[in-house]
Amino acid sequence: MDATELRSKTVSELRLEMQNLLREKFNLNMQRGTGQLSRPDQMGKVRKSIARVYTVINEKIKAGDAS
């Protein structure tokens, strides 16, 4: 998901997206720990998505759109 799609969502929707991404990151970490991670590139993609969502949330809060 790119930043333009994220900017069209509300803060509550972004927080829900953040929950899903953190859960996915946890699952990938568990797979990596047990040696079952089939696509290691997914870790980087999820981490970048989390950072992207955090950035958009902070932009919205600073702009006063924290509804």
PDB file of N, CA and C in Angstrom:
ATOM      1  N   MET A   1       0.850  -1.171   0.000  1.00  0.00           N
ATOM      2  CA  MET A   1       0.000   0.000   0.000  1.00  0.00           C
ATOM      3  C   MET A   1       0.895   1.235   0.000  1.00  0.00           C
ATOM      4  N   ASP A   2       0.646   2.140  -0.922  1.00  0.00           N
ATOM      5  CA  ASP A   2       1.486   3.327  -0.990  1.00  0.00           C
ATOM      6  C   ASP A   2       0.892   4.469  -0.174  1.00  0.00           C
ATOM      7  N   ALA A   3       1.652   5.541  -0.032  1.00  0.00           N
ATOM      8  CA  ALA A   3       1.282   6.638   0.857  1.00  0.00           C
ATOM      9  C   ALA A   3       0.021   7.370   0.385  1.00  0.00           C
ATOM     10  N   THR A   4      -0.222   7.436  -0.907  1.00  0.00           N
ATOM     11  CA  THR A   4      -1.417   8.136  -1.370  1.00  0.00           C
ATOM     12  C   THR A   4      -2.688   7.407  -0.942  1.00  0.00           C
ATOM     13  N   GLU A   5      -2.653   6.077  -0.952  1.00  0.00           N
ATOM     14  CA  GLU A   5      -3.805   5.310  -0.475  1.00  0.00           C
ATOM     15  C   GLU A   5      -3.982   5.495   1.019  1.00  0.00           C
ATOM     16  N   LEU A   6      -2.882   5.548   1.749  1.00  0.00           N
ATOM     17  CA  LEU A   6      -2.956   5.701   3.197  1.00  0.00           C
ATOM     18  C   LEU A   6      -3.488   7.079   3.591  1.00  0.00           C
ATOM     19  N   ARG A   7      -3.117   8.090   2.836  1.00  0.00           N
ATOM     20  CA  ARG A   7      -3.563   9.453   3.179  1.00  0.00           C
ATOM     21  C   ARG A   7      -5.069   9.633   3.008  1.00  0.00           C
ATOM     22  N   SER A   8      -5.705   8.785   2.229  1.00  0.00           N
ATOM     23  CA  SER A   8      -7.141   8.897   2.044  1.00  0.00           C
ATOM     24  C   SER A   8      -7.931   8.247   3.185  1.00  0.00           C
ATOM     25  N   LYS A   9      -7.242   7.530   4.072  1.00  0.00           N
ATOM     26  CA  LYS A   9      -7.908   6.860   5.195  1.00  0.00           C
ATOM     27  C   LYS A   9      -7.926   7.758   6.425  1.00  0.00           C
ATOM     28  N   THR A  10      -8.835   7.433   7.353  1.00  0.00           N
ATOM     29  CA  THR A  10      -8.889   8.166   8.611  1.00  0.00           C
ATOM     30  C   THR A  10      -7.836   7.599   9.566  1.00  0.00           C
ATOM     31  N   VAL A  11      -7.610   8.309  10.668  1.00  0.00           N
ATOM     32  CA  VAL A  11      -6.609   7.877  11.637  1.00  0.00           C
ATOM     33  C   VAL A  11      -7.010   6.544  12.259  1.00  0.00           C
ATOM     34  N   SER A  12      -8.300   6.356  12.524  1.00  0.00           N
ATOM     35  CA  SER A  12      -8.737   5.092  13.118  1.00  0.00           C
ATOM     36  C   SER A  12      -8.523   3.925  12.143  1.00  0.00           C
ATOM     37  N   GLU A  13      -8.750   4.152  10.865  1.00  0.00           N
ATOM     38  CA  GLU A  13      -8.490   3.109   9.869  1.00  0.00           C
ATOM     39  C   GLU A  13      -6.994   2.816   9.772  1.00  0.00           C
ATOM     40  N   LEU A  14      -6.181   3.865   9.908  1.00  0.00           N
ATOM     41  CA  LEU A  14      -4.730   3.679   9.855  1.00  0.00           C
ATOM     42  C   LEU A  14      -4.238   2.897  11.065  1.00  0.00           C
ATOM     43  N   ARG A  15      -4.840   3.151  12.224  1.00  0.00           N
ATOM     44  CA  ARG A  15      -4.441   2.402  13.420  1.00  0.00           C
ATOM     45  C   ARG A  15      -4.818   0.934  13.285  1.00  0.00           C
ATOM     46  N   LEU A  16      -5.946   0.661  12.648  1.00  0.00           N
ATOM     47  CA  LEU A  16      -6.332  -0.723  12.393  1.00  0.00           C
ATOM     48  C   LEU A  16      -5.349  -1.388  11.426  1.00  0.00           C
ATOM     49  N   GLU A  17      -4.949  -0.652  10.414  1.00  0.00           N
ATOM     50  CA  GLU A  17      -3.951  -1.149   9.465  1.00  0.00           C
ATOM     51  C   GLU A  17      -2.629  -1.420  10.183  1.00  0.00           C
ATOM     52  N   MET A  18      -2.271  -0.534  11.125  1.00  0.00           N
ATOM     53  CA  MET A  18      -1.042  -0.711  11.890  1.00  0.00           C
ATOM     54  C   MET A  18      -1.104  -1.992  12.724  1.00  0.00           C
ATOM     55  N   GLN A  19      -2.243  -2.255  13.344  1.00  0.00           N
ATOM     56  CA  GLN A  19      -2.418  -3.486  14.111  1.00  0.00           C
ATOM     57  C   GLN A  19      -2.185  -4.713  13.231  1.00  0.00           C
ATOM     58  N   ASN A  20      -2.774  -4.698  12.053  1.00  0.00           N
ATOM     59  CA  ASN A  20      -2.621  -5.830  11.139  1.00  0.00           C
ATOM     60  C   ASN A  20      -1.165  -6.019  10.711  1.00  0.00           C
ATOM     61  N   LEU A  21      -0.483  -4.914  10.440  1.00  0.00           N
ATOM     62  CA  LEU A  21       0.917  -5.004  10.024  1.00  0.00           C
ATOM     63  C   LEU A  21       1.805  -5.504  11.159  1.00  0.00           C
ATOM     64  N   LEU A  22       1.553  -5.045  12.383  1.00  0.00           N
ATOM     65  CA  LEU A  22       2.351  -5.513  13.514  1.00  0.00           C
ATOM     66  C   LEU A  22       2.112  -6.997  13.773  1.00  0.00           C
ATOM     67  N   ARG A  23       0.886  -7.449  13.588  1.00  0.00           N
ATOM     68  CA  ARG A  23       0.582  -8.872  13.744  1.00  0.00           C
ATOM     69  C   ARG A  23       1.314  -9.688  12.675  1.00  0.00           C
ATOM     70  N   GLU A  24       1.320  -9.156  11.446  1.00  0.00           N
ATOM     71  CA  GLU A  24       2.020  -9.850  10.362  1.00  0.00           C
ATOM     72  C   GLU A  24       3.519  -9.897  10.623  1.00  0.00           C
ATOM     73  N   LYS A  25       4.075  -8.803  11.148  1.00  0.00           N
ATOM     74  CA  LYS A  25       5.499  -8.776  11.472  1.00  0.00           C
ATOM     75  C   LYS A  25       5.823  -9.807  12.554  1.00  0.00           C
ATOM     76  N   PHE A  26       4.958  -9.906  13.566  1.00  0.00           N
ATOM     77  CA  PHE A  26       5.156 -10.904  14.615  1.00  0.00           C
ATOM     78  C   PHE A  26       5.162 -12.311  14.027  1.00  0.00           C
ATOM     79  N   ASN A  27       4.192 -12.589  13.160  1.00  0.00           N
ATOM     80  CA  ASN A  27       4.112 -13.921  12.545  1.00  0.00           C
ATOM     81  C   ASN A  27       5.350 -14.227  11.710  1.00  0.00           C
ATOM     82  N   LEU A  28       5.844 -13.233  10.973  1.00  0.00           N
ATOM     83  CA  LEU A  28       7.046 -13.438  10.175  1.00  0.00           C
ATOM     84  C   LEU A  28       8.261 -13.675  11.060  1.00  0.00           C
ATOM     85  N   ASN A  29       8.337 -12.952  12.197  1.00  0.00           N
ATOM     86  CA  ASN A  29       9.438 -13.172  13.134  1.00  0.00           C
ATOM     87  C   ASN A  29       9.405 -14.582  13.706  1.00  0.00           C
ATOM     88  N   MET A  30       8.213 -15.078  14.005  1.00  0.00           N
ATOM     89  CA  MET A  30       8.092 -16.436  14.534  1.00  0.00           C
ATOM     90  C   MET A  30       8.498 -17.463  13.474  1.00  0.00           C
ATOM     91  N   GLN A  31       8.108 -17.229  12.236  1.00  0.00           N
ATOM     92  CA  GLN A  31       8.495 -18.139  11.151  1.00  0.00           C
ATOM     93  C   GLN A  31      10.005 -18.125  10.956  1.00  0.00           C
ATOM     94  N   ARG A  32      10.593 -16.943  11.054  1.00  0.00           N
ATOM     95  CA  ARG A  32      12.050 -16.849  10.893  1.00  0.00           C
ATOM     96  C   ARG A  32      12.755 -17.588  12.027  1.00  0.00           C
ATOM     97  N   GLY A  33      12.215 -17.472  13.235  1.00  0.00           N
ATOM     98  CA  GLY A  33      12.822 -18.130  14.384  1.00  0.00           C
ATOM     99  C   GLY A  33      12.778 -19.640  14.300  1.00  0.00           C
ATOM    100  N   THR A  34      11.735 -20.169  13.686  1.00  0.00           N
ATOM    101  CA  THR A  34      11.619 -21.614  13.565  1.00  0.00           C
ATOM    102  C   THR A  34      12.197 -22.141  12.255  1.00  0.00           C
ATOM    103  N   GLY A  35      12.708 -21.241  11.424  1.00  0.00           N
ATOM    104  CA  GLY A  35      13.321 -21.665  10.167  1.00  0.00           C
ATOM    105  C   GLY A  35      12.319 -21.960   9.070  1.00  0.00           C
ATOM    106  N   GLN A  36      11.109 -21.461   9.180  1.00  0.00           N
ATOM    107  CA  GLN A  36      10.075 -21.744   8.184  1.00  0.00           C
ATOM    108  C   GLN A  36       9.770 -20.554   7.279  1.00  0.00           C
ATOM    109  N   LEU A  37      10.533 -19.491   7.377  1.00  0.00           N
ATOM    110  CA  LEU A  37      10.272 -18.305   6.571  1.00  0.00           C
ATOM    111  C   LEU A  37      10.681 -18.567   5.136  1.00  0.00           C
ATOM    112  N   SER A  38       9.691 -18.613   4.246  1.00  0.00           N
ATOM    113  CA  SER A  38       9.977 -18.952   2.855  1.00  0.00           C
ATOM    114  C   SER A  38      10.371 -17.735   2.026  1.00  0.00           C
ATOM    115  N   ARG A  39       9.894 -16.548   2.424  1.00  0.00           N
ATOM    116  CA  ARG A  39      10.219 -15.342   1.658  1.00  0.00           C
ATOM    117  C   ARG A  39      10.778 -14.279   2.601  1.00  0.00           C
ATOM    118  N   PRO A  40      12.089 -14.248   2.793  1.00  0.00           N
ATOM    119  CA  PRO A  40      12.683 -13.301   3.734  1.00  0.00           C
ATOM    120  C   PRO A  40      12.494 -11.840   3.341  1.00  0.00           C
ATOM    121  N   ASP A  41      12.219 -11.568   2.079  1.00  0.00           N
ATOM    122  CA  ASP A  41      12.023 -10.191   1.643  1.00  0.00           C
ATOM    123  C   ASP A  41      10.747  -9.579   2.223  1.00  0.00           C
ATOM    124  N   GLN A  42       9.837 -10.413   2.681  1.00  0.00           N
ATOM    125  CA  GLN A  42       8.588  -9.916   3.258  1.00  0.00           C
ATOM    126  C   GLN A  42       8.850  -9.104   4.515  1.00  0.00           C
ATOM    127  N   MET A  43       9.881  -9.451   5.281  1.00  0.00           N
ATOM    128  CA  MET A  43      10.197  -8.720   6.513  1.00  0.00           C
ATOM    129  C   MET A  43      10.467  -7.250   6.203  1.00  0.00           C
ATOM    130  N   GLY A  44      11.267  -6.996   5.215  1.00  0.00           N
ATOM    131  CA  GLY A  44      11.584  -5.621   4.852  1.00  0.00           C
ATOM    132  C   GLY A  44      10.371  -4.861   4.362  1.00  0.00           C
ATOM    133  N   LYS A  45       9.529  -5.532   3.593  1.00  0.00           N
ATOM    134  CA  LYS A  45       8.326  -4.890   3.067  1.00  0.00           C
ATOM    135  C   LYS A  45       7.371  -4.512   4.182  1.00  0.00           C
ATOM    136  N   VAL A  46       7.217  -5.404   5.152  1.00  0.00           N
ATOM    137  CA  VAL A  46       6.313  -5.129   6.266  1.00  0.00           C
ATOM    138  C   VAL A  46       6.862  -3.996   7.125  1.00  0.00           C
ATOM    139  N   ARG A  47       8.176  -4.011   7.378  1.00  0.00           N
ATOM    140  CA  ARG A  47       8.776  -2.945   8.181  1.00  0.00           C
ATOM    141  C   ARG A  47       8.613  -1.587   7.516  1.00  0.00           C
ATOM    142  N   LYS A  48       8.786  -1.540   6.206  1.00  0.00           N
ATOM    143  CA  LYS A  48       8.629  -0.278   5.484  1.00  0.00           C
ATOM    144  C   LYS A  48       7.179   0.178   5.478  1.00  0.00           C
ATOM    145  N   SER A  49       6.249  -0.761   5.395  1.00  0.00           N
ATOM    146  CA  SER A  49       4.833  -0.418   5.448  1.00  0.00           C
ATOM    147  C   SER A  49       4.462   0.146   6.807  1.00  0.00           C
ATOM    148  N   ILE A  50       5.017  -0.435   7.868  1.00  0.00           N
ATOM    149  CA  ILE A  50       4.757   0.069   9.213  1.00  0.00           C
ATOM    150  C   ILE A  50       5.271   1.500   9.341  1.00  0.00           C
ATOM    151  N   ALA A  51       6.460   1.758   8.853  1.00  0.00           N
ATOM    152  CA  ALA A  51       7.019   3.108   8.912  1.00  0.00           C
ATOM    153  C   ALA A  51       6.170   4.082   8.105  1.00  0.00           C
ATOM    154  N   ARG A  52       5.676   3.636   6.961  1.00  0.00           N
ATOM    155  CA  ARG A  52       4.843   4.477   6.116  1.00  0.00           C
ATOM    156  C   ARG A  52       3.541   4.852   6.834  1.00  0.00           C
ATOM    157  N   VAL A  53       2.930   3.885   7.518  1.00  0.00           N
ATOM    158  CA  VAL A  53       1.681   4.152   8.231  1.00  0.00           C
ATOM    159  C   VAL A  53       1.940   5.106   9.391  1.00  0.00           C
ATOM    160  N   TYR A  54       3.026   4.878  10.151  1.00  0.00           N
ATOM    161  CA  TYR A  54       3.377   5.789  11.235  1.00  0.00           C
ATOM    162  C   TYR A  54       3.549   7.219  10.718  1.00  0.00           C
ATOM    163  N   THR A  55       4.206   7.363   9.593  1.00  0.00           N
ATOM    164  CA  THR A  55       4.448   8.684   9.019  1.00  0.00           C
ATOM    165  C   THR A  55       3.138   9.376   8.671  1.00  0.00           C
ATOM    166  N   VAL A  56       2.216   8.657   8.035  1.00  0.00           N
ATOM    167  CA  VAL A  56       0.944   9.256   7.635  1.00  0.00           C
ATOM    168  C   VAL A  56       0.111   9.610   8.865  1.00  0.00           C
ATOM    169  N   ILE A  57       0.133   8.744   9.888  1.00  0.00           N
ATOM    170  CA  ILE A  57      -0.602   9.052  11.123  1.00  0.00           C
ATOM    171  C   ILE A  57      -0.068  10.339  11.738  1.00  0.00           C
ATOM    172  N   ASN A  58       1.256  10.464  11.830  1.00  0.00           N
ATOM    173  CA  ASN A  58       1.850  11.673  12.397  1.00  0.00           C
ATOM    174  C   ASN A  58       1.536  12.908  11.563  1.00  0.00           C
ATOM    175  N   GLU A  59       1.515  12.773  10.242  1.00  0.00           N
ATOM    176  CA  GLU A  59       1.156  13.902   9.383  1.00  0.00           C
ATOM    177  C   GLU A  59      -0.269  14.365   9.674  1.00  0.00           C
ATOM    178  N   LYS A  60      -1.178  13.396   9.811  1.00  0.00           N
ATOM    179  CA  LYS A  60      -2.576  13.730  10.055  1.00  0.00           C
ATOM    180  C   LYS A  60      -2.770  14.365  11.430  1.00  0.00           C
ATOM    181  N   ILE A  61      -2.048  13.870  12.428  1.00  0.00           N
ATOM    182  CA  ILE A  61      -2.173  14.436  13.777  1.00  0.00           C
ATOM    183  C   ILE A  61      -1.641  15.862  13.806  1.00  0.00           C
ATOM    184  N   LYS A  62      -0.517  16.095  13.165  1.00  0.00           N
ATOM    185  CA  LYS A  62       0.060  17.439  13.140  1.00  0.00           C
ATOM    186  C   LYS A  62      -0.803  18.407  12.341  1.00  0.00           C
ATOM    187  N   ALA A  63      -1.518  17.900  11.350  1.00  0.00           N
ATOM    188  CA  ALA A  63      -2.397  18.751  10.540  1.00  0.00           C
ATOM    189  C   ALA A  63      -3.733  18.987  11.230  1.00  0.00           C
ATOM    190  N   GLY A  64      -3.985  18.250  12.315  1.00  0.00           N
ATOM    191  CA  GLY A  64      -5.237  18.430  13.032  1.00  0.00           C
ATOM    192  C   GLY A  64      -6.368  17.564  12.532  1.00  0.00           C
ATOM    193  N   ASP A  65      -6.064  16.526  11.769  1.00  0.00           N
ATOM    194  CA  ASP A  65      -7.075  15.622  11.224  1.00  0.00           C
ATOM    195  C   ASP A  65      -7.173  14.346  12.045  1.00  0.00           C
ATOM    196  N   ALA A  66      -7.009  14.422  13.344  1.00  0.00           N
ATOM    197  CA  ALA A  66      -6.954  13.228  14.192  1.00  0.00           C
ATOM    198  C   ALA A  66      -8.361  12.731  14.549  1.00  0.00           C
ATOM    199  N   SER A  67      -9.226  12.619  13.566  1.00  0.00           N
ATOM    200  CA  SER A  67     -10.578  12.138  13.856  1.00  0.00           C
ATOM    201  C   SER A  67     -10.716  10.671  13.541  1.00  0.00           C
TER     202      SER A  67
END
